[in-house]
Amino acid sequence: MADDLGVVHNEAAHRYEARVDGVLAELAYRVEGERMVLTHTGVPPAIEGRGVGSALVRAAVGDAIERDLTIVPLCWFVAGWLDRHPEVPVKVDRG
């Protein structure tokens, strides 16, 4: 299911978005120079457990890799996802 979510990068709102069954999930961020600070993942209970949060993180991490940005995971969900996926070749600053 997660691969079919069609995550959208809403640059104007500084977030990645996915709509599932009409319900909006989001991953908020800000860019500070060469760093993409991931601040909050919001997946409403109605669509939890369907891989939505992971799809949002994958999209953000993919963009960070493409733009050569370092991820700063302020969000606990993002930090956990990165811990579970050490094979992903993204620069991370947990400082």
N, C-alpha and C. Protein backbone atom coordinates (compact mmCIF):
# COMPACT_ATOMS: atom_id res chain seq x y z
N MET A 1 0.82 -1.20 0.00
CA MET A 1 0.00 0.00 0.00
C MET A 1 0.86 1.26 0.00
N ALA A 2 1.92 1.28 0.78
CA ALA A 2 2.72 2.50 0.93
C ALA A 2 3.27 3.00 -0.39
N ASP A 3 3.58 2.10 -1.32
CA ASP A 3 4.14 2.52 -2.60
C ASP A 3 3.10 3.21 -3.48
N ASP A 4 1.83 3.01 -3.20
CA ASP A 4 0.75 3.57 -4.01
C ASP A 4 0.20 4.87 -3.45
N LEU A 5 0.85 5.43 -2.44
CA LEU A 5 0.27 6.57 -1.74
C LEU A 5 0.37 7.88 -2.50
N GLY A 6 1.29 8.00 -3.41
CA GLY A 6 1.41 9.26 -4.15
C GLY A 6 1.74 10.43 -3.25
N VAL A 7 2.81 10.31 -2.50
CA VAL A 7 3.24 11.40 -1.63
C VAL A 7 3.56 12.63 -2.48
N VAL A 8 3.08 13.77 -2.02
CA VAL A 8 3.25 15.04 -2.72
C VAL A 8 4.12 15.95 -1.85
N HIS A 9 5.07 16.62 -2.50
CA HIS A 9 5.89 17.61 -1.80
C HIS A 9 5.21 18.96 -1.94
N ASN A 10 4.64 19.45 -0.87
CA ASN A 10 3.99 20.75 -0.85
C ASN A 10 5.02 21.76 -0.35
N GLU A 11 5.82 22.26 -1.26
CA GLU A 11 6.93 23.15 -0.90
C GLU A 11 6.45 24.43 -0.23
N ALA A 12 5.34 24.97 -0.69
CA ALA A 12 4.84 26.22 -0.13
C ALA A 12 4.49 26.06 1.35
N ALA A 13 4.00 24.88 1.74
CA ALA A 13 3.62 24.62 3.14
C ALA A 13 4.74 23.95 3.92
N HIS A 14 5.87 23.68 3.26
CA HIS A 14 7.02 23.02 3.89
C HIS A 14 6.63 21.68 4.50
N ARG A 15 5.99 20.84 3.66
CA ARG A 15 5.62 19.52 4.14
C ARG A 15 5.43 18.54 2.99
N TYR A 16 5.55 17.28 3.34
CA TYR A 16 5.21 16.19 2.43
C TYR A 16 3.84 15.71 2.85
N GLU A 17 2.99 15.40 1.87
CA GLU A 17 1.61 15.05 2.16
C GLU A 17 1.21 13.76 1.46
N ALA A 18 0.33 13.02 2.11
CA ALA A 18 -0.29 11.84 1.50
C ALA A 18 -1.74 11.84 1.93
N ARG A 19 -2.61 11.55 1.00
CA ARG A 19 -4.04 11.47 1.30
C ARG A 19 -4.48 10.03 1.11
N VAL A 20 -5.04 9.46 2.16
CA VAL A 20 -5.52 8.08 2.13
C VAL A 20 -6.98 8.09 2.58
N ASP A 21 -7.85 7.56 1.75
CA ASP A 21 -9.28 7.54 2.06
C ASP A 21 -9.79 8.93 2.46
N GLY A 22 -9.24 9.96 1.81
CA GLY A 22 -9.66 11.32 2.06
C GLY A 22 -9.05 11.95 3.30
N VAL A 23 -8.16 11.22 3.99
CA VAL A 23 -7.55 11.72 5.23
C VAL A 23 -6.11 12.15 4.92
N LEU A 24 -5.74 13.35 5.38
CA LEU A 24 -4.43 13.92 5.10
C LEU A 24 -3.42 13.55 6.19
N ALA A 25 -2.25 13.05 5.76
CA ALA A 25 -1.11 12.83 6.64
C ALA A 25 0.00 13.75 6.15
N GLU A 26 0.90 14.13 7.07
CA GLU A 26 1.94 15.08 6.68
C GLU A 26 3.24 14.85 7.42
N LEU A 27 4.30 15.30 6.79
CA LEU A 27 5.62 15.36 7.42
C LEU A 27 6.13 16.77 7.21
N ALA A 28 6.22 17.54 8.29
CA ALA A 28 6.64 18.94 8.22
C ALA A 28 8.15 19.05 8.32
N TYR A 29 8.69 20.05 7.64
CA TYR A 29 10.14 20.25 7.65
C TYR A 29 10.46 21.73 7.46
N ARG A 30 11.73 22.03 7.66
CA ARG A 30 12.26 23.33 7.26
C ARG A 30 13.67 23.08 6.75
N VAL A 31 14.12 23.91 5.84
CA VAL A 31 15.48 23.80 5.31
C VAL A 31 16.28 24.96 5.90
N GLU A 32 17.42 24.59 6.48
CA GLU A 32 18.34 25.58 7.05
C GLU A 32 19.69 25.36 6.40
N GLY A 33 19.98 26.13 5.38
CA GLY A 33 21.23 25.96 4.65
C GLY A 33 21.31 24.60 4.00
N GLU A 34 22.25 23.78 4.44
CA GLU A 34 22.47 22.45 3.87
C GLU A 34 21.76 21.36 4.67
N ARG A 35 20.82 21.76 5.53
CA ARG A 35 20.15 20.81 6.41
C ARG A 35 18.64 20.83 6.20
N MET A 36 18.05 19.63 6.18
CA MET A 36 16.60 19.50 6.14
C MET A 36 16.18 19.01 7.52
N VAL A 37 15.53 19.89 8.27
CA VAL A 37 15.11 19.60 9.63
C VAL A 37 13.68 19.05 9.57
N LEU A 38 13.53 17.77 9.92
CA LEU A 38 12.22 17.13 9.89
C LEU A 38 11.61 17.25 11.29
N THR A 39 10.53 18.04 11.38
CA THR A 39 10.03 18.47 12.68
C THR A 39 8.83 17.68 13.20
N HIS A 40 7.98 17.15 12.32
CA HIS A 40 6.75 16.51 12.81
C HIS A 40 6.15 15.61 11.74
N THR A 41 5.80 14.41 12.14
CA THR A 41 5.03 13.51 11.28
C THR A 41 3.65 13.38 11.89
N GLY A 42 2.64 13.66 11.09
CA GLY A 42 1.26 13.54 11.57
C GLY A 42 0.48 12.57 10.72
N VAL A 43 0.13 11.43 11.31
CA VAL A 43 -0.69 10.44 10.63
C VAL A 43 -1.92 10.21 11.51
N PRO A 44 -3.09 10.66 11.08
CA PRO A 44 -4.30 10.49 11.88
C PRO A 44 -4.60 9.01 12.17
N PRO A 45 -5.20 8.75 13.33
CA PRO A 45 -5.49 7.36 13.72
C PRO A 45 -6.25 6.56 12.66
N ALA A 46 -7.11 7.20 11.90
CA ALA A 46 -7.91 6.49 10.90
C ALA A 46 -7.07 5.80 9.83
N ILE A 47 -5.82 6.27 9.64
CA ILE A 47 -4.99 5.67 8.59
C ILE A 47 -3.66 5.16 9.12
N GLU A 48 -3.53 5.05 10.44
CA GLU A 48 -2.31 4.49 11.04
C GLU A 48 -2.14 3.02 10.64
N GLY A 49 -0.89 2.56 10.68
CA GLY A 49 -0.61 1.15 10.44
C GLY A 49 -0.65 0.73 8.99
N ARG A 50 -0.64 1.69 8.09
CA ARG A 50 -0.74 1.39 6.66
C ARG A 50 0.50 1.83 5.88
N GLY A 51 1.56 2.19 6.61
CA GLY A 51 2.80 2.58 5.96
C GLY A 51 2.85 4.01 5.49
N VAL A 52 1.89 4.81 5.91
CA VAL A 52 1.82 6.19 5.45
C VAL A 52 3.00 7.01 5.98
N GLY A 53 3.28 6.89 7.27
CA GLY A 53 4.40 7.63 7.84
C GLY A 53 5.71 7.27 7.18
N SER A 54 5.92 5.99 6.94
CA SER A 54 7.15 5.54 6.28
C SER A 54 7.26 6.09 4.87
N ALA A 55 6.15 6.13 4.16
CA ALA A 55 6.17 6.67 2.80
C ALA A 55 6.54 8.15 2.82
N LEU A 56 6.04 8.89 3.80
CA LEU A 56 6.38 10.30 3.91
C LEU A 56 7.87 10.48 4.18
N VAL A 57 8.41 9.68 5.10
CA VAL A 57 9.84 9.78 5.42
C VAL A 57 10.68 9.40 4.21
N ARG A 58 10.31 8.32 3.51
CA ARG A 58 11.06 7.92 2.31
C ARG A 58 11.11 9.05 1.29
N ALA A 59 10.00 9.74 1.10
CA ALA A 59 9.96 10.84 0.13
C ALA A 59 10.90 11.97 0.56
N ALA A 60 10.85 12.34 1.83
CA ALA A 60 11.70 13.42 2.33
C ALA A 60 13.17 13.03 2.24
N VAL A 61 13.50 11.81 2.64
CA VAL A 61 14.88 11.35 2.60
C VAL A 61 15.37 11.29 1.16
N GLY A 62 14.53 10.83 0.25
CA GLY A 62 14.91 10.79 -1.16
C GLY A 62 15.24 12.18 -1.69
N ASP A 63 14.43 13.15 -1.32
CA ASP A 63 14.69 14.53 -1.74
C ASP A 63 15.99 15.06 -1.11
N ALA A 64 16.21 14.73 0.16
CA ALA A 64 17.44 15.18 0.83
C ALA A 64 18.67 14.60 0.14
N ILE A 65 18.60 13.33 -0.22
CA ILE A 65 19.72 12.70 -0.92
C ILE A 65 19.94 13.39 -2.26
N GLU A 66 18.87 13.59 -3.00
CA GLU A 66 18.96 14.23 -4.32
C GLU A 66 19.53 15.65 -4.24
N ARG A 67 19.20 16.36 -3.17
CA ARG A 67 19.64 17.75 -3.00
C ARG A 67 20.92 17.86 -2.16
N ASP A 68 21.48 16.72 -1.77
CA ASP A 68 22.70 16.66 -0.96
C ASP A 68 22.53 17.42 0.36
N LEU A 69 21.38 17.23 1.01
CA LEU A 69 21.10 17.85 2.29
C LEU A 69 21.30 16.84 3.41
N THR A 70 21.65 17.34 4.58
CA THR A 70 21.77 16.51 5.78
C THR A 70 20.44 16.53 6.52
N ILE A 71 19.95 15.35 6.88
CA ILE A 71 18.70 15.23 7.63
C ILE A 71 18.96 15.50 9.11
N VAL A 72 18.10 16.31 9.72
CA VAL A 72 18.11 16.53 11.16
C VAL A 72 16.75 16.03 11.67
N PRO A 73 16.73 14.85 12.30
CA PRO A 73 15.46 14.25 12.71
C PRO A 73 15.00 14.72 14.09
N LEU A 74 14.25 15.82 14.15
CA LEU A 74 13.70 16.27 15.43
C LEU A 74 12.46 15.46 15.80
N CYS A 75 11.82 14.87 14.83
CA CYS A 75 10.62 14.06 15.03
C CYS A 75 11.02 12.64 15.45
N TRP A 76 10.40 12.10 16.49
CA TRP A 76 10.74 10.76 16.98
C TRP A 76 10.46 9.69 15.93
N PHE A 77 9.42 9.87 15.13
CA PHE A 77 9.09 8.87 14.11
C PHE A 77 10.19 8.81 13.05
N VAL A 78 10.65 9.95 12.61
CA VAL A 78 11.72 10.01 11.61
C VAL A 78 13.00 9.39 12.18
N ALA A 79 13.34 9.74 13.42
CA ALA A 79 14.55 9.19 14.05
C ALA A 79 14.47 7.66 14.11
N GLY A 80 13.33 7.13 14.48
CA GLY A 80 13.16 5.68 14.53
C GLY A 80 13.25 5.04 13.16
N TRP A 81 12.67 5.69 12.16
CA TRP A 81 12.73 5.16 10.79
C TRP A 81 14.18 5.09 10.33
N LEU A 82 14.93 6.13 10.59
CA LEU A 82 16.35 6.15 10.20
C LEU A 82 17.12 5.05 10.93
N ASP A 83 16.81 4.82 12.20
CA ASP A 83 17.46 3.73 12.96
C ASP A 83 17.17 2.38 12.33
N ARG A 84 15.96 2.19 11.84
CA ARG A 84 15.56 0.91 11.23
C ARG A 84 16.05 0.74 9.80
N HIS A 85 16.56 1.81 9.20
CA HIS A 85 17.00 1.76 7.80
C HIS A 85 18.42 2.32 7.64
N PRO A 86 19.39 1.69 8.29
CA PRO A 86 20.77 2.19 8.21
C PRO A 86 21.36 2.07 6.80
N GLU A 87 20.72 1.29 5.94
CA GLU A 87 21.22 1.12 4.58
C GLU A 87 20.96 2.34 3.69
N VAL A 88 20.10 3.24 4.12
CA VAL A 88 19.76 4.41 3.32
C VAL A 88 20.93 5.39 3.38
N PRO A 89 21.46 5.76 2.21
CA PRO A 89 22.69 6.58 2.16
C PRO A 89 22.43 8.07 2.31
N VAL A 90 21.85 8.45 3.43
CA VAL A 90 21.58 9.87 3.69
C VAL A 90 22.46 10.34 4.84
N LYS A 91 22.90 11.59 4.75
CA LYS A 91 23.66 12.19 5.85
C LYS A 91 22.68 12.58 6.95
N VAL A 92 23.04 12.25 8.19
CA VAL A 92 22.15 12.53 9.33
C VAL A 92 22.94 13.26 10.41
N ASP A 93 22.33 14.29 10.98
CA ASP A 93 22.91 15.03 12.10
C ASP A 93 21.93 14.94 13.26
N ARG A 94 22.28 14.18 14.27
CA ARG A 94 21.41 14.03 15.44
C ARG A 94 21.84 14.96 16.56
N GLY A 95 22.83 15.81 16.29
CA GLY A 95 23.40 16.68 17.30
C GLY A 95 22.44 17.60 17.90
